[in-house]
């Protein structure tokens, strides 16, 4: 985390992946435990996700498959089976 030199505290702002993780949670709600999916399906869901209250594509949930794979691993609800196939193990209630 970067700090400002003058004040020595973290810079303003939130995690860059905050809205992507929210979108992944929305995608997880469409799955049941044990469901398999291709990472491109999840990526397409995030890239076409609409912002609340508007009909525009959400600006901060855009992603690509390499970044999405890192986020899916970090959340811990998904496991990779190889060749772009992932399985939802549950975890969202």
Protein backbone atom coordinates (compact mmCIF):
# COMPACT_ATOMS: atom_id res chain seq x y z
CA UNK A 1 0.00 0.00 0.00
CA UNK A 2 1.32 3.40 -0.89
CA UNK A 3 1.58 6.11 1.70
CA UNK A 4 1.82 9.81 1.30
CA UNK A 5 5.21 11.11 2.39
CA UNK A 6 3.87 14.16 4.18
CA UNK A 7 1.32 12.45 6.43
CA UNK A 8 2.49 8.82 6.60
CA UNK A 9 -0.98 7.31 6.22
CA UNK A 10 -2.53 5.20 3.45
CA UNK A 11 -3.70 7.04 0.37
CA UNK A 12 -7.41 7.52 -0.17
CA UNK A 13 -9.34 5.00 -2.22
CA UNK A 14 -10.59 1.45 -2.04
CA UNK A 15 -9.50 -1.83 -3.49
CA UNK A 16 -9.47 -1.89 -7.27
CA UNK A 17 -11.13 -5.30 -7.22
CA UNK A 18 -14.00 -4.36 -4.89
CA UNK A 19 -16.66 -4.21 -7.63
CA UNK A 20 -15.28 -7.29 -9.39
CA UNK A 21 -15.66 -9.32 -6.21
CA UNK A 22 -19.25 -8.11 -5.81
CA UNK A 23 -19.92 -9.19 -9.41
CA UNK A 24 -18.35 -12.61 -8.75
CA UNK A 25 -20.67 -12.99 -5.73
CA UNK A 26 -23.63 -12.22 -8.01
CA UNK A 27 -22.39 -14.86 -10.46
CA UNK A 28 -22.00 -17.37 -7.60
CA UNK A 29 -25.66 -16.85 -6.68
CA UNK A 30 -26.61 -18.23 -10.10
CA UNK A 31 -24.70 -21.47 -9.39
CA UNK A 32 -25.30 -24.36 -7.03
CA UNK A 33 -22.54 -26.20 -5.21
CA UNK A 34 -20.63 -28.52 -7.54
CA UNK A 35 -21.58 -26.69 -10.75
CA UNK A 36 -18.87 -26.54 -13.40
CA UNK A 37 -18.39 -23.58 -15.70
CA UNK A 38 -15.84 -22.22 -18.14
CA UNK A 39 -14.00 -19.13 -16.99
CA UNK A 40 -15.08 -17.33 -20.18
CA UNK A 41 -18.72 -17.62 -19.04
CA UNK A 42 -17.90 -15.90 -15.75
CA UNK A 43 -15.80 -13.29 -17.56
CA UNK A 44 -18.67 -12.56 -19.94
CA UNK A 45 -21.03 -12.16 -16.96
CA UNK A 46 -18.70 -9.59 -15.36
CA UNK A 47 -18.11 -7.70 -18.59
CA UNK A 48 -21.84 -7.42 -19.39
CA UNK A 49 -22.95 -6.61 -15.84
CA UNK A 50 -25.16 -3.53 -15.66
CA UNK A 51 -24.78 -0.79 -13.07
CA UNK A 52 -27.58 -0.50 -10.51
CA UNK A 53 -30.28 1.96 -11.52
CA UNK A 54 -29.01 2.45 -15.07
CA UNK A 55 -28.88 0.47 -18.25
CA UNK A 56 -25.15 1.04 -18.72
CA UNK A 57 -22.40 -1.52 -18.39
CA UNK A 58 -20.68 -1.22 -14.99
CA UNK A 59 -17.37 0.59 -15.50
CA UNK A 60 -15.38 -1.01 -12.67
CA UNK A 61 -16.24 -4.69 -13.04
CA UNK A 62 -14.59 -5.17 -16.43
CA UNK A 63 -11.96 -7.93 -16.41
CA UNK A 64 -10.14 -10.59 -18.44
CA UNK A 65 -9.63 -14.29 -17.82
CA UNK A 66 -6.14 -14.05 -16.29
CA UNK A 67 -7.20 -11.48 -13.72
CA UNK A 68 -10.45 -13.33 -13.06
CA UNK A 69 -8.60 -16.58 -12.34
CA UNK A 70 -6.56 -14.79 -9.67
CA UNK A 71 -9.73 -13.39 -8.09
CA UNK A 72 -11.53 -16.75 -8.12
CA UNK A 73 -8.59 -18.36 -6.32
CA UNK A 74 -8.43 -15.52 -3.79
CA UNK A 75 -12.11 -15.76 -2.88
CA UNK A 76 -11.76 -19.47 -2.15
CA UNK A 77 -15.20 -20.63 -3.32
CA UNK A 78 -13.95 -21.96 -6.65
CA UNK A 79 -11.45 -24.59 -7.77
CA UNK A 80 -9.76 -24.94 -11.14
CA UNK A 81 -10.05 -28.28 -12.93
CA UNK A 82 -7.73 -27.17 -15.75
CA UNK A 83 -8.23 -25.94 -19.31
CA UNK A 84 -10.43 -23.05 -18.16
CA UNK A 85 -12.95 -25.27 -16.37
CA UNK A 86 -13.81 -24.22 -12.82
CA UNK A 87 -16.11 -25.72 -10.20
CA UNK A 88 -18.13 -23.80 -7.61
CA UNK A 89 -17.59 -25.38 -4.20
CA UNK A 90 -20.08 -23.24 -2.35
CA UNK A 91 -19.48 -20.74 0.40
CA UNK A 92 -22.03 -18.06 -0.42
CA UNK A 93 -25.18 -18.12 1.71
